[in-house]
Amino acid sequence: MNIQFACPVCERPARLTCPGPSSWQCPGCDHLLSVQPEVADGRVEACAICGNHELYKKKDFPHWLGLTILTVACAASVLTYGWYYKWLTWAILIGSALIDGVMYLLVGDVVVCYRCQAHYRGLPAGAAFRPYELGIAERYRQEQIRLEQLKAGKNP
């Protein structure tokens, strides 16, 4: 299992490959983190970083690449349509949709923690993990805001 996460103290990006319980020390702030992955039947039960039980799955694909393909296809189709090459316009649009569909089928899933945004790769993301839900994510975003406000109130 490959875990990509941010240090809970200094938020420095980190990666950890752990087949079982291990410890990790942040090179930036020397924070020691005990990583205890709860794995049952090949799937993660809770986040190994923060202990949260709410996880979701998404495609392990860089969003910038998908948006770049879409932008290039739209710009090229507008140009070819302006030059009255309608068949080329349709070929570009359908071709970009086919490329997108093939990439969707080839790219695997990654499991993500709602609270700490730790990414888990190398796991079978079966039916136990549901897709991203905005309501759950908003709850954790509000929790983070409240924690930051409490820290600011205690340390003026």
Foldseek 3Di string as FASTA:
>chain_A
DKKWFAPPPPGHTDIDDDPAWDWDADPPPRDIFTFGFDDDPQDTQAGRGPRHRAKAKDWPDDPVVLVVLVVVLVVVLVVCVVVVVNVVSVCSVVVSVVVVVVVVVPTDMWMADLQGGMIHPPTPPDPVHHHDDPVVNVVNVVVVVVVVVVVVVVPD
